[in-house]
Amino acid sequence: FGGPQPQSRAMAMVQIAVHDALNAIDPRYERYTTVGPASPGASPDAAVGTAARRTLLELLAPLSDSPLKQSAIDTIESAYA
């Protein structure tokens, strides 16, 4: 969706979400957003996948329904599964 600027913005938002999700499990760096501590024994792989999925779906939510949007959602859900 969109040109280089919206795509770069989306990638940056996903990477910030992934950073903060991992950092909640193993705090080493300053956080970019407000994320609470992770549950003991939380899976880094699950944290990364969930952070990326939630961010991408939130970015798609305000867009009008279309076959292209549904295809993007299907791709995200398939990768998450």
Protein backbone atom coordinates (compact mmCIF):
# COMPACT_ATOMS: atom_id res chain seq x y z
CA PHE A 1 0.00 0.00 0.00
CA GLY A 2 1.33 3.39 -0.92
CA GLY A 3 4.67 4.56 -2.14
CA PRO A 4 8.09 4.56 -0.52
CA GLN A 5 7.24 6.96 2.31
CA PRO A 6 4.21 5.07 3.70
CA GLN A 7 6.04 1.78 3.26
CA SER A 8 9.11 3.08 5.10
CA ARG A 9 6.88 4.40 7.88
CA ALA A 10 5.16 1.04 8.23
CA MET A 11 8.47 -0.81 8.35
CA ALA A 12 9.77 1.57 11.02
CA MET A 13 6.65 1.10 13.12
CA VAL A 14 6.94 -2.69 12.91
CA GLN A 15 10.61 -2.59 13.88
CA ILE A 16 9.90 -0.35 16.89
CA ALA A 17 7.16 -2.74 18.01
CA VAL A 18 9.50 -5.72 17.61
CA HIS A 19 12.28 -3.93 19.51
CA ASP A 20 10.03 -3.06 22.41
CA ALA A 21 8.48 -6.56 22.52
CA LEU A 22 11.92 -8.17 22.77
CA ASN A 23 13.14 -5.53 25.17
CA ALA A 24 10.18 -6.31 27.45
CA ILE A 25 11.49 -9.90 27.71
CA ASP A 26 15.15 -9.02 28.12
CA PRO A 27 15.46 -5.32 29.03
CA ARG A 28 18.71 -3.96 27.68
CA TYR A 29 17.79 -0.72 25.95
CA GLU A 30 15.56 2.29 26.38
CA ARG A 31 12.02 1.70 25.14
CA TYR A 32 10.41 3.69 22.37
CA THR A 33 6.85 3.03 23.53
CA THR A 34 5.03 2.15 26.70
CA VAL A 35 5.15 -1.62 26.98
CA GLY A 36 4.78 -3.42 30.28
CA PRO A 37 7.13 -6.19 31.36
CA ALA A 38 6.69 -9.56 29.71
CA SER A 39 5.47 -12.61 31.55
CA PRO A 40 8.20 -14.82 32.98
CA GLY A 41 9.33 -17.32 30.37
CA ALA A 42 7.80 -15.37 27.48
CA SER A 43 8.89 -16.56 24.05
CA PRO A 44 10.97 -14.09 22.02
CA ASP A 45 9.69 -15.65 18.78
CA ALA A 46 6.08 -15.25 19.86
CA ALA A 47 6.74 -11.68 20.98
CA VAL A 48 8.26 -10.74 17.62
CA GLY A 49 5.47 -12.38 15.62
CA THR A 50 2.71 -10.88 17.71
CA ALA A 51 4.22 -7.38 17.68
CA ALA A 52 4.63 -7.42 13.90
CA ARG A 53 1.13 -8.85 13.31
CA ARG A 54 -0.64 -6.41 15.61
CA THR A 55 1.17 -3.41 14.16
CA LEU A 56 0.49 -4.36 10.55
CA LEU A 57 -3.18 -5.11 11.21
CA GLU A 58 -3.60 -1.76 13.01
CA LEU A 59 -2.07 0.01 10.01
CA LEU A 60 -4.52 -1.73 7.68
CA ALA A 61 -7.60 -1.20 9.87
CA PRO A 62 -8.51 2.34 8.73
CA LEU A 63 -8.27 1.47 5.02
CA SER A 64 -11.43 0.80 3.05
CA ASP A 65 -12.29 -2.84 2.54
CA SER A 66 -11.00 -4.15 -0.75
CA PRO A 67 -9.62 -7.35 -2.24
CA LEU A 68 -6.10 -5.91 -1.90
CA LYS A 69 -6.60 -5.17 1.80
CA GLN A 70 -8.02 -8.64 2.39
CA SER A 71 -5.10 -10.18 0.55
CA ALA A 72 -2.68 -8.28 2.80
CA ILE A 73 -4.56 -9.44 5.90
CA ASP A 74 -4.54 -13.03 4.66
CA THR A 75 -0.77 -12.83 4.05
CA ILE A 76 -0.14 -11.42 7.53
CA GLU A 77 -2.31 -14.07 9.19
CA SER A 78 -0.68 -16.86 7.18
CA ALA A 79 2.81 -15.71 8.15
CA TYR A 80 1.73 -15.39 11.79
CA ALA A 81 0.28 -18.91 11.84
